[in-house]
PDB file of all heavy atoms in Angstrom:
ATOM      1  N   GLY A   1       7.831  -9.252   0.024  1.00  0.00           N
ATOM      2  CA  GLY A   1       8.988  -9.212  -0.856  1.00  0.00           C
ATOM      3  C   GLY A   1      10.196  -8.518  -0.253  1.00  0.00           C
ATOM      4  O   GLY A   1      11.218  -8.326  -0.907  1.00  0.00           O
ATOM      5  N   ARG A   2      10.086  -8.130   1.014  1.00  0.00           N
ATOM      6  CA  ARG A   2      11.206  -7.436   1.670  1.00  0.00           C
ATOM      7  C   ARG A   2      12.131  -8.431   2.348  1.00  0.00           C
ATOM      8  O   ARG A   2      11.724  -9.543   2.688  1.00  0.00           O
ATOM      9  CB  ARG A   2      10.681  -6.502   2.765  1.00  0.00           C
ATOM     10  CG  ARG A   2       9.656  -5.522   2.295  1.00  0.00           C
ATOM     11  CD  ARG A   2      10.269  -4.436   1.450  1.00  0.00           C
ATOM     12  NE  ARG A   2       9.233  -3.494   1.059  1.00  0.00           N
ATOM     13  CZ  ARG A   2       9.440  -2.504   0.211  1.00  0.00           C
ATOM     14  NH1 ARG A   2      10.610  -2.340  -0.340  1.00  0.00           N
ATOM     15  NH2 ARG A   2       8.472  -1.691  -0.100  1.00  0.00           N
ATOM     16  N   ALA A   3      13.340  -7.966   2.622  1.00  0.00           N
ATOM     17  CA  ALA A   3      14.292  -8.800   3.360  1.00  0.00           C
ATOM     18  C   ALA A   3      13.775  -8.985   4.788  1.00  0.00           C
ATOM     19  O   ALA A   3      13.278  -8.035   5.411  1.00  0.00           O
ATOM     20  CB  ALA A   3      15.657  -8.126   3.378  1.00  0.00           C
ATOM     21  N   CYS A   4      13.890 -10.205   5.279  1.00  0.00           N
ATOM     22  CA  CYS A   4      13.403 -10.518   6.629  1.00  0.00           C
ATOM     23  C   CYS A   4      14.026  -9.598   7.677  1.00  0.00           C
ATOM     24  O   CYS A   4      13.356  -9.124   8.588  1.00  0.00           O
ATOM     25  CB  CYS A   4      13.707 -11.978   6.968  1.00  0.00           C
ATOM     26  SG  CYS A   4      12.886 -13.100   5.814  1.00  0.00           S
ATOM     27  N   ARG A   5      15.335  -9.345   7.541  1.00  0.00           N
ATOM     28  CA  ARG A   5      16.014  -8.474   8.517  1.00  0.00           C
ATOM     29  C   ARG A   5      15.440  -7.065   8.492  1.00  0.00           C
ATOM     30  O   ARG A   5      15.322  -6.412   9.519  1.00  0.00           O
ATOM     31  CB  ARG A   5      17.512  -8.409   8.235  1.00  0.00           C
ATOM     32  CG  ARG A   5      18.222  -9.688   8.592  1.00  0.00           C
ATOM     33  CD  ARG A   5      19.732  -9.605   8.394  1.00  0.00           C
ATOM     34  NE  ARG A   5      20.325 -10.932   8.491  1.00  0.00           N
ATOM     35  CZ  ARG A   5      20.486 -11.589   9.642  1.00  0.00           C
ATOM     36  NH1 ARG A   5      20.130 -11.030  10.781  1.00  0.00           N
ATOM     37  NH2 ARG A   5      21.006 -12.796   9.652  1.00  0.00           N
ATOM     38  N   GLU A   6      15.115  -6.603   7.292  1.00  0.00           N
ATOM     39  CA  GLU A   6      14.575  -5.239   7.175  1.00  0.00           C
ATOM     40  C   GLU A   6      13.197  -5.162   7.840  1.00  0.00           C
ATOM     41  O   GLU A   6      12.868  -4.178   8.504  1.00  0.00           O
ATOM     42  CB  GLU A   6      14.477  -4.833   5.696  1.00  0.00           C
ATOM     43  CG  GLU A   6      14.140  -3.349   5.526  1.00  0.00           C
ATOM     44  CD  GLU A   6      13.816  -2.932   4.091  1.00  0.00           C
ATOM     45  OE1 GLU A   6      13.837  -3.781   3.184  1.00  0.00           O
ATOM     46  OE2 GLU A   6      13.509  -1.749   3.899  1.00  0.00           O
ATOM     47  N   ILE A   7      12.408  -6.209   7.663  1.00  0.00           N
ATOM     48  CA  ILE A   7      11.079  -6.238   8.292  1.00  0.00           C
ATOM     49  C   ILE A   7      11.230  -6.125   9.809  1.00  0.00           C
ATOM     50  O   ILE A   7      10.546  -5.330  10.466  1.00  0.00           O
ATOM     51  CB  ILE A   7      10.316  -7.526   7.930  1.00  0.00           C
ATOM     52  CG1 ILE A   7       9.984  -7.538   6.430  1.00  0.00           C
ATOM     53  CG2 ILE A   7       9.033  -7.662   8.768  1.00  0.00           C
ATOM     54  CD1 ILE A   7       9.401  -8.839   5.911  1.00  0.00           C
ATOM     55  N   LEU A   8      12.156  -6.895  10.358  1.00  0.00           N
ATOM     56  CA  LEU A   8      12.352  -6.885  11.805  1.00  0.00           C
ATOM     57  C   LEU A   8      12.901  -5.553  12.292  1.00  0.00           C
ATOM     58  O   LEU A   8      12.599  -5.111  13.388  1.00  0.00           O
ATOM     59  CB  LEU A   8      13.314  -8.006  12.222  1.00  0.00           C
ATOM     60  CG  LEU A   8      12.723  -9.409  12.166  1.00  0.00           C
ATOM     61  CD1 LEU A   8      13.792 -10.421  12.569  1.00  0.00           C
ATOM     62  CD2 LEU A   8      11.515  -9.539  13.086  1.00  0.00           C
ATOM     63  N   ALA A   9      13.721  -4.923  11.459  1.00  0.00           N
ATOM     64  CA  ALA A   9      14.401  -3.692  11.879  1.00  0.00           C
ATOM     65  C   ALA A   9      13.529  -2.447  11.725  1.00  0.00           C
ATOM     66  O   ALA A   9      13.888  -1.378  12.203  1.00  0.00           O
ATOM     67  CB  ALA A   9      15.689  -3.523  11.074  1.00  0.00           C
ATOM     68  N   THR A  10      12.393  -2.589  11.044  1.00  0.00           N
ATOM     69  CA  THR A  10      11.585  -1.399  10.749  1.00  0.00           C
ATOM     70  C   THR A  10      10.265  -1.426  11.504  1.00  0.00           C
ATOM     71  O   THR A  10       9.403  -2.243  11.215  1.00  0.00           O
ATOM     72  CB  THR A  10      11.290  -1.313   9.232  1.00  0.00           C
ATOM     73  OG1 THR A  10      12.486  -1.601   8.512  1.00  0.00           O
ATOM     74  CG2 THR A  10      10.808   0.079   8.857  1.00  0.00           C
ATOM     75  N   PRO A  11      10.108  -0.532  12.476  1.00  0.00           N
ATOM     76  CA  PRO A  11       8.822  -0.474  13.187  1.00  0.00           C
ATOM     77  C   PRO A  11       7.734   0.055  12.254  1.00  0.00           C
ATOM     78  O   PRO A  11       8.067   0.628  11.213  1.00  0.00           O
ATOM     79  CB  PRO A  11       9.096   0.525  14.313  1.00  0.00           C
ATOM     80  CG  PRO A  11      10.211   1.387  13.795  1.00  0.00           C
ATOM     81  CD  PRO A  11      11.040   0.510  12.898  1.00  0.00           C
ATOM     82  N   PRO A  12       6.462  -0.137  12.608  1.00  0.00           N
ATOM     83  CA  PRO A  12       5.411   0.344  11.696  1.00  0.00           C
ATOM     84  C   PRO A  12       4.844   1.715  12.069  1.00  0.00           C
ATOM     85  O   PRO A  12       3.713   1.826  12.517  1.00  0.00           O
ATOM     86  CB  PRO A  12       4.333  -0.740  11.844  1.00  0.00           C
ATOM     87  CG  PRO A  12       4.508  -1.238  13.255  1.00  0.00           C
ATOM     88  CD  PRO A  12       5.937  -1.041  13.628  1.00  0.00           C
ATOM     89  N   PRO A  13       5.623   2.799  11.904  1.00  0.00           N
ATOM     90  CA  PRO A  13       5.109   4.128  12.272  1.00  0.00           C
ATOM     91  C   PRO A  13       3.945   4.580  11.405  1.00  0.00           C
ATOM     92  O   PRO A  13       3.204   5.487  11.772  1.00  0.00           O
ATOM     93  CB  PRO A  13       6.318   5.050  12.075  1.00  0.00           C
ATOM     94  CG  PRO A  13       7.143   4.367  11.046  1.00  0.00           C
ATOM     95  CD  PRO A  13       6.964   2.896  11.305  1.00  0.00           C
ATOM     96  N   PHE A  14       3.774   3.942  10.230  1.00  0.00           N
ATOM     97  CA  PHE A  14       2.717   4.375   9.322  1.00  0.00           C
ATOM     98  C   PHE A  14       1.336   4.232   9.966  1.00  0.00           C
ATOM     99  O   PHE A  14       0.421   4.969   9.647  1.00  0.00           O
ATOM    100  CB  PHE A  14       2.772   3.593   7.998  1.00  0.00           C
ATOM    101  CG  PHE A  14       2.451   2.126   8.118  1.00  0.00           C
ATOM    102  CD1 PHE A  14       1.160   1.672   7.935  1.00  0.00           C
ATOM    103  CD2 PHE A  14       3.452   1.212   8.425  1.00  0.00           C
ATOM    104  CE1 PHE A  14       0.863   0.321   8.060  1.00  0.00           C
ATOM    105  CE2 PHE A  14       3.160  -0.135   8.540  1.00  0.00           C
ATOM    106  CZ  PHE A  14       1.863  -0.580   8.363  1.00  0.00           C
ATOM    107  N   ILE A  15       1.192   3.287  10.891  1.00  0.00           N
ATOM    108  CA  ILE A  15      -0.123   3.071  11.521  1.00  0.00           C
ATOM    109  C   ILE A  15      -0.554   4.338  12.252  1.00  0.00           C
ATOM    110  O   ILE A  15      -1.688   4.790  12.141  1.00  0.00           O
ATOM    111  CB  ILE A  15      -0.066   1.862  12.476  1.00  0.00           C
ATOM    112  CG1 ILE A  15       0.166   0.590  11.648  1.00  0.00           C
ATOM    113  CG2 ILE A  15      -1.345   1.754  13.301  1.00  0.00           C
ATOM    114  CD1 ILE A  15       0.349  -0.666  12.463  1.00  0.00           C
ATOM    115  N   THR A  16       0.384   4.928  12.982  1.00  0.00           N
ATOM    116  CA  THR A  16       0.088   6.174  13.700  1.00  0.00           C
ATOM    117  C   THR A  16       0.079   7.359  12.738  1.00  0.00           C
ATOM    118  O   THR A  16      -0.763   8.244  12.837  1.00  0.00           O
ATOM    119  CB  THR A  16       1.157   6.422  14.782  1.00  0.00           C
ATOM    120  OG1 THR A  16       1.391   5.185  15.454  1.00  0.00           O
ATOM    121  CG2 THR A  16       0.691   7.445  15.804  1.00  0.00           C
ATOM    122  N   ALA A  17       1.023   7.360  11.795  1.00  0.00           N
ATOM    123  CA  ALA A  17       1.155   8.498  10.885  1.00  0.00           C
ATOM    124  C   ALA A  17      -0.106   8.705  10.050  1.00  0.00           C
ATOM    125  O   ALA A  17      -0.520   9.829   9.793  1.00  0.00           O
ATOM    126  CB  ALA A  17       2.372   8.306   9.978  1.00  0.00           C
ATOM    127  N   ILE A  18      -0.724   7.595   9.631  1.00  0.00           N
ATOM    128  CA  ILE A  18      -1.950   7.703   8.837  1.00  0.00           C
ATOM    129  C   ILE A  18      -3.135   8.008   9.758  1.00  0.00           C
ATOM    130  O   ILE A  18      -4.139   8.553   9.348  1.00  0.00           O
ATOM    131  CB  ILE A  18      -2.238   6.381   8.092  1.00  0.00           C
ATOM    132  CG1 ILE A  18      -1.166   6.102   7.057  1.00  0.00           C
ATOM    133  CG2 ILE A  18      -3.583   6.431   7.396  1.00  0.00           C
ATOM    134  CD1 ILE A  18      -1.339   4.753   6.389  1.00  0.00           C
ATOM    135  N   GLY A  19      -3.015   7.611  11.007  1.00  0.00           N
ATOM    136  CA  GLY A  19      -4.116   7.805  11.944  1.00  0.00           C
ATOM    137  C   GLY A  19      -4.965   6.553  12.096  1.00  0.00           C
ATOM    138  O   GLY A  19      -6.075   6.592  12.629  1.00  0.00           O
ATOM    139  N   LEU A  20      -4.435   5.426  11.616  1.00  0.00           N
ATOM    140  CA  LEU A  20      -5.208   4.183  11.708  1.00  0.00           C
ATOM    141  C   LEU A  20      -5.491   3.811  13.155  1.00  0.00           C
ATOM    142  O   LEU A  20      -6.560   3.334  13.485  1.00  0.00           O
ATOM    143  CB  LEU A  20      -4.449   3.023  11.046  1.00  0.00           C
ATOM    144  CG  LEU A  20      -4.449   2.978   9.523  1.00  0.00           C
ATOM    145  CD1 LEU A  20      -3.550   1.850   9.030  1.00  0.00           C
ATOM    146  CD2 LEU A  20      -5.855   2.801   8.984  1.00  0.00           C
ATOM    147  N   ASP A  21      -4.496   4.054  14.006  1.00  0.00           N
ATOM    148  CA  ASP A  21      -4.678   3.688  15.414  1.00  0.00           C
ATOM    149  C   ASP A  21      -5.855   4.426  16.053  1.00  0.00           C
ATOM    150  O   ASP A  21      -6.497   3.920  16.954  1.00  0.00           O
ATOM    151  CB  ASP A  21      -3.392   3.906  16.214  1.00  0.00           C
ATOM    152  CG  ASP A  21      -2.811   5.299  16.000  1.00  0.00           C
ATOM    153  OD1 ASP A  21      -3.226   5.995  15.048  1.00  0.00           O
ATOM    154  OD2 ASP A  21      -1.945   5.700  16.788  1.00  0.00           O
ATOM    155  N   GLN A  22      -6.123   5.645  15.550  1.00  0.00           N
ATOM    156  CA  GLN A  22      -7.239   6.414  16.126  1.00  0.00           C
ATOM    157  C   GLN A  22      -8.571   6.114  15.465  1.00  0.00           C
ATOM    158  O   GLN A  22      -9.611   6.277  16.066  1.00  0.00           O
ATOM    159  CB  GLN A  22      -6.961   7.916  15.971  1.00  0.00           C
ATOM    160  CG  GLN A  22      -5.824   8.384  16.842  1.00  0.00           C
ATOM    161  CD  GLN A  22      -5.287   9.718  16.369  1.00  0.00           C
ATOM    162  OE1 GLN A  22      -5.423  10.081  15.194  1.00  0.00           O
ATOM    163  NE2 GLN A  22      -4.672  10.447  17.272  1.00  0.00           N
ATOM    164  N   HIS A  23      -8.530   5.693  14.206  1.00  0.00           N
ATOM    165  CA  HIS A  23      -9.786   5.592  13.459  1.00  0.00           C
ATOM    166  C   HIS A  23     -10.316   4.188  13.244  1.00  0.00           C
ATOM    167  O   HIS A  23     -11.422   4.018  12.764  1.00  0.00           O
ATOM    168  CB  HIS A  23      -9.663   6.312  12.117  1.00  0.00           C
ATOM    169  CG  HIS A  23      -9.581   7.796  12.282  1.00  0.00           C
ATOM    170  ND1 HIS A  23      -8.386   8.454  12.440  1.00  0.00           N
ATOM    171  CD2 HIS A  23     -10.542   8.735  12.362  1.00  0.00           C
ATOM    172  CE1 HIS A  23      -8.624   9.747  12.594  1.00  0.00           C
ATOM    173  NE2 HIS A  23      -9.917   9.949  12.545  1.00  0.00           N
ATOM    174  N   LEU A  24      -9.494   3.204  13.556  1.00  0.00           N
ATOM    175  CA  LEU A  24     -10.005   1.837  13.422  1.00  0.00           C
ATOM    176  C   LEU A  24     -10.725   1.451  14.699  1.00  0.00           C
ATOM    177  O   LEU A  24     -10.339   1.886  15.779  1.00  0.00           O
ATOM    178  CB  LEU A  24      -8.847   0.862  13.196  1.00  0.00           C
ATOM    179  CG  LEU A  24      -8.142   0.905  11.844  1.00  0.00           C
ATOM    180  CD1 LEU A  24      -7.002  -0.092  11.837  1.00  0.00           C
ATOM    181  CD2 LEU A  24      -9.099   0.628  10.708  1.00  0.00           C
ATOM    182  N   SER A  25     -11.717   0.598  14.573  1.00  0.00           N
ATOM    183  CA  SER A  25     -12.365   0.096  15.781  1.00  0.00           C
ATOM    184  C   SER A  25     -11.341  -0.760  16.522  1.00  0.00           C
ATOM    185  O   SER A  25     -10.407  -1.276  15.909  1.00  0.00           O
ATOM    186  CB  SER A  25     -13.575  -0.751  15.406  1.00  0.00           C
ATOM    187  OG  SER A  25     -13.121  -1.907  14.717  1.00  0.00           O
ATOM    188  N   PRO A  26     -11.497  -0.926  17.836  1.00  0.00           N
ATOM    189  CA  PRO A  26     -10.531  -1.730  18.600  1.00  0.00           C
ATOM    190  C   PRO A  26     -10.329  -3.130  18.018  1.00  0.00           C
ATOM    191  O   PRO A  26      -9.202  -3.611  17.953  1.00  0.00           O
ATOM    192  CB  PRO A  26     -11.146  -1.799  19.998  1.00  0.00           C
ATOM    193  CG  PRO A  26     -12.004  -0.587  20.094  1.00  0.00           C
ATOM    194  CD  PRO A  26     -12.506  -0.327  18.699  1.00  0.00           C
ATOM    195  N   THR A  27     -11.416  -3.763  17.551  1.00  0.00           N
ATOM    196  CA  THR A  27     -11.253  -5.130  17.027  1.00  0.00           C
ATOM    197  C   THR A  27     -10.448  -5.117  15.726  1.00  0.00           C
ATOM    198  O   THR A  27      -9.617  -5.985  15.508  1.00  0.00           O
ATOM    199  CB  THR A  27     -12.612  -5.806  16.759  1.00  0.00           C
ATOM    200  OG1 THR A  27     -13.422  -4.904  16.015  1.00  0.00           O
ATOM    201  CG2 THR A  27     -13.310  -6.167  18.038  1.00  0.00           C
ATOM    202  N   ARG A  28     -10.661  -4.108  14.876  1.00  0.00           N
ATOM    203  CA  ARG A  28      -9.889  -4.038  13.631  1.00  0.00           C
ATOM    204  C   ARG A  28      -8.441  -3.711  13.927  1.00  0.00           C
ATOM    205  O   ARG A  28      -7.527  -4.214  13.298  1.00  0.00           O
ATOM    206  CB  ARG A  28     -10.471  -2.969  12.700  1.00  0.00           C
ATOM    207  CG  ARG A  28     -11.771  -3.420  12.119  1.00  0.00           C
ATOM    208  CD  ARG A  28     -12.021  -2.784  10.773  1.00  0.00           C
ATOM    209  NE  ARG A  28     -13.296  -3.249  10.272  1.00  0.00           N
ATOM    210  CZ  ARG A  28     -14.359  -2.467  10.152  1.00  0.00           C
ATOM    211  NH1 ARG A  28     -14.313  -1.211  10.483  1.00  0.00           N
ATOM    212  NH2 ARG A  28     -15.477  -2.968   9.679  1.00  0.00           N
ATOM    213  N   SER A  29      -8.255  -2.838  14.922  1.00  0.00           N
ATOM    214  CA  SER A  29      -6.909  -2.472  15.313  1.00  0.00           C
ATOM    215  C   SER A  29      -6.173  -3.700  15.864  1.00  0.00           C
ATOM    216  O   SER A  29      -5.010  -3.957  15.527  1.00  0.00           O
ATOM    217  CB  SER A  29      -6.988  -1.370  16.364  1.00  0.00           C
ATOM    218  OG  SER A  29      -5.706  -0.911  16.657  1.00  0.00           O
ATOM    219  N   ASN A  30      -6.863  -4.502  16.665  1.00  0.00           N
ATOM    220  CA  ASN A  30      -6.278  -5.755  17.172  1.00  0.00           C
ATOM    221  C   ASN A  30      -5.907  -6.667  16.023  1.00  0.00           C
ATOM    222  O   ASN A  30      -4.855  -7.304  16.030  1.00  0.00           O
ATOM    223  CB  ASN A  30      -7.267  -6.521  18.060  1.00  0.00           C
ATOM    224  CG  ASN A  30      -7.440  -5.846  19.405  1.00  0.00           C
ATOM    225  OD1 ASN A  30      -6.660  -4.966  19.758  1.00  0.00           O
ATOM    226  ND2 ASN A  30      -8.451  -6.243  20.146  1.00  0.00           N
ATOM    227  N   GLY A  31      -6.795  -6.741  15.042  1.00  0.00           N
ATOM    228  CA  GLY A  31      -6.545  -7.585  13.876  1.00  0.00           C
ATOM    229  C   GLY A  31      -5.310  -7.132  13.117  1.00  0.00           C
ATOM    230  O   GLY A  31      -4.484  -7.951  12.714  1.00  0.00           O
ATOM    231  N   LEU A  32      -5.185  -5.813  12.953  1.00  0.00           N
ATOM    232  CA  LEU A  32      -4.026  -5.254  12.253  1.00  0.00           C
ATOM    233  C   LEU A  32      -2.745  -5.628  12.998  1.00  0.00           C
ATOM    234  O   LEU A  32      -1.760  -6.063  12.408  1.00  0.00           O
ATOM    235  CB  LEU A  32      -4.178  -3.728  12.161  1.00  0.00           C
ATOM    236  CG  LEU A  32      -3.034  -2.963  11.506  1.00  0.00           C
ATOM    237  CD1 LEU A  32      -2.846  -3.381  10.056  1.00  0.00           C
ATOM    238  CD2 LEU A  32      -3.278  -1.458  11.578  1.00  0.00           C
ATOM    239  N   HIS A  33      -2.781  -5.479  14.315  1.00  0.00           N
ATOM    240  CA  HIS A  33      -1.592  -5.803  15.114  1.00  0.00           C
ATOM    241  C   HIS A  33      -1.307  -7.301  15.122  1.00  0.00           C
ATOM    242  O   HIS A  33      -0.152  -7.719  15.130  1.00  0.00           O
ATOM    243  CB  HIS A  33      -1.717  -5.216  16.521  1.00  0.00           C
ATOM    244  CG  HIS A  33      -1.558  -3.723  16.509  1.00  0.00           C
ATOM    245  ND1 HIS A  33      -0.337  -3.118  16.340  1.00  0.00           N
ATOM    246  CD2 HIS A  33      -2.464  -2.714  16.566  1.00  0.00           C
ATOM    247  CE1 HIS A  33      -0.500  -1.790  16.318  1.00  0.00           C
ATOM    248  NE2 HIS A  33      -1.776  -1.529  16.447  1.00  0.00           N
ATOM    249  N   ALA A  34      -2.361  -8.100  15.061  1.00  0.00           N
ATOM    250  CA  ALA A  34      -2.175  -9.559  14.992  1.00  0.00           C
ATOM    251  C   ALA A  34      -1.517  -9.944  13.668  1.00  0.00           C
ATOM    252  O   ALA A  34      -0.626 -10.798  13.625  1.00  0.00           O
ATOM    253  CB  ALA A  34      -3.517 -10.273  15.150  1.00  0.00           C
ATOM    254  N   MET A  35      -1.923  -9.276  12.582  1.00  0.00           N
ATOM    255  CA  MET A  35      -1.311  -9.560  11.276  1.00  0.00           C
ATOM    256  C   MET A  35       0.154  -9.133  11.280  1.00  0.00           C
ATOM    257  O   MET A  35       1.028  -9.864  10.815  1.00  0.00           O
ATOM    258  CB  MET A  35      -2.063  -8.830  10.151  1.00  0.00           C
ATOM    259  CG  MET A  35      -3.427  -9.434   9.859  1.00  0.00           C
ATOM    260  SD  MET A  35      -4.184  -8.722   8.367  1.00  0.00           S
ATOM    261  CE  MET A  35      -4.785  -7.144   8.926  1.00  0.00           C
ATOM    262  N   LEU A  36       0.416  -7.946  11.835  1.00  0.00           N
ATOM    263  CA  LEU A  36       1.790  -7.463  11.927  1.00  0.00           C
ATOM    264  C   LEU A  36       2.652  -8.427  12.729  1.00  0.00           C
ATOM    265  O   LEU A  36       3.781  -8.734  12.346  1.00  0.00           O
ATOM    266  CB  LEU A  36       1.819  -6.095  12.633  1.00  0.00           C
ATOM    267  CG  LEU A  36       1.791  -4.872  11.749  1.00  0.00           C
ATOM    268  CD1 LEU A  36       1.636  -3.628  12.606  1.00  0.00           C
ATOM    269  CD2 LEU A  36       3.075  -4.770  10.913  1.00  0.00           C
ATOM    270  N   ALA A  37       2.105  -8.904  13.836  1.00  0.00           N
ATOM    271  CA  ALA A  37       2.848  -9.822  14.705  1.00  0.00           C
ATOM    272  C   ALA A  37       3.182 -11.109  13.948  1.00  0.00           C
ATOM    273  O   ALA A  37       4.289 -11.642  14.058  1.00  0.00           O
ATOM    274  CB  ALA A  37       2.042 -10.133  15.969  1.00  0.00           C
ATOM    275  N   THR A  38       2.236 -11.596  13.154  1.00  0.00           N
ATOM    276  CA  THR A  38       2.452 -12.821  12.376  1.00  0.00           C
ATOM    277  C   THR A  38       3.556 -12.614  11.340  1.00  0.00           C
ATOM    278  O   THR A  38       4.420 -13.468  11.149  1.00  0.00           O
ATOM    279  CB  THR A  38       1.141 -13.243  11.673  1.00  0.00           C
ATOM    280  OG1 THR A  38       0.126 -13.365  12.663  1.00  0.00           O
ATOM    281  CG2 THR A  38       1.293 -14.568  10.956  1.00  0.00           C
ATOM    282  N   ILE A  39       3.537 -11.455  10.683  1.00  0.00           N
ATOM    283  CA  ILE A  39       4.552 -11.146   9.677  1.00  0.00           C
ATOM    284  C   ILE A  39       5.933 -11.059  10.338  1.00  0.00           C
ATOM    285  O   ILE A  39       6.917 -11.603   9.843  1.00  0.00           O
ATOM    286  CB  ILE A  39       4.204  -9.821   8.953  1.00  0.00           C
ATOM    287  CG1 ILE A  39       2.948 -10.012   8.093  1.00  0.00           C
ATOM    288  CG2 ILE A  39       5.381  -9.330   8.095  1.00  0.00           C
ATOM    289  CD1 ILE A  39       2.304  -8.729   7.622  1.00  0.00           C
ATOM    290  N   ARG A  40       5.978 -10.385  11.497  1.00  0.00           N
ATOM    291  CA  ARG A  40       7.261 -10.239  12.199  1.00  0.00           C
ATOM    292  C   ARG A  40       7.784 -11.591  12.685  1.00  0.00           C
ATOM    293  O   ARG A  40       8.981 -11.863  12.658  1.00  0.00           O
ATOM    294  CB  ARG A  40       7.128  -9.253  13.355  1.00  0.00           C
ATOM    295  CG  ARG A  40       6.854  -7.832  12.885  1.00  0.00           C
ATOM    296  CD  ARG A  40       6.793  -6.862  14.037  1.00  0.00           C
ATOM    297  NE  ARG A  40       8.103  -6.656  14.613  1.00  0.00           N
ATOM    298  CZ  ARG A  40       8.977  -5.739  14.174  1.00  0.00           C
ATOM    299  NH1 ARG A  40       8.670  -4.982  13.150  1.00  0.00           N
ATOM    300  NH2 ARG A  40      10.152  -5.598  14.731  1.00  0.00           N
ATOM    301  N   LYS A  41       6.867 -12.447  13.131  1.00  0.00           N
ATOM    302  CA  LYS A  41       7.263 -13.764  13.599  1.00  0.00           C
ATOM    303  C   LYS A  41       7.855 -14.580  12.448  1.00  0.00           C
ATOM    304  O   LYS A  41       8.883 -15.248  12.589  1.00  0.00           O
ATOM    305  CB  LYS A  41       6.051 -14.481  14.200  1.00  0.00           C
ATOM    306  CG  LYS A  41       6.420 -15.552  15.217  1.00  0.00           C
ATOM    307  CD  LYS A  41       5.227 -15.918  16.076  1.00  0.00           C
ATOM    308  CE  LYS A  41       4.508 -17.102  15.430  1.00  0.00           C
ATOM    309  NZ  LYS A  41       3.275 -17.461  16.121  1.00  0.00           N
TER     310      LYS A  41
END
């Protein structure tokens, strides 16, 4: 529901801030980044 420009302009610091990058398994982390990439595209 966000503006496309805002999505592109806003990096996802929450992934690191929550600690997801450290606590997700590599495959889940890849999946998260793949979903993010699809949304950004």
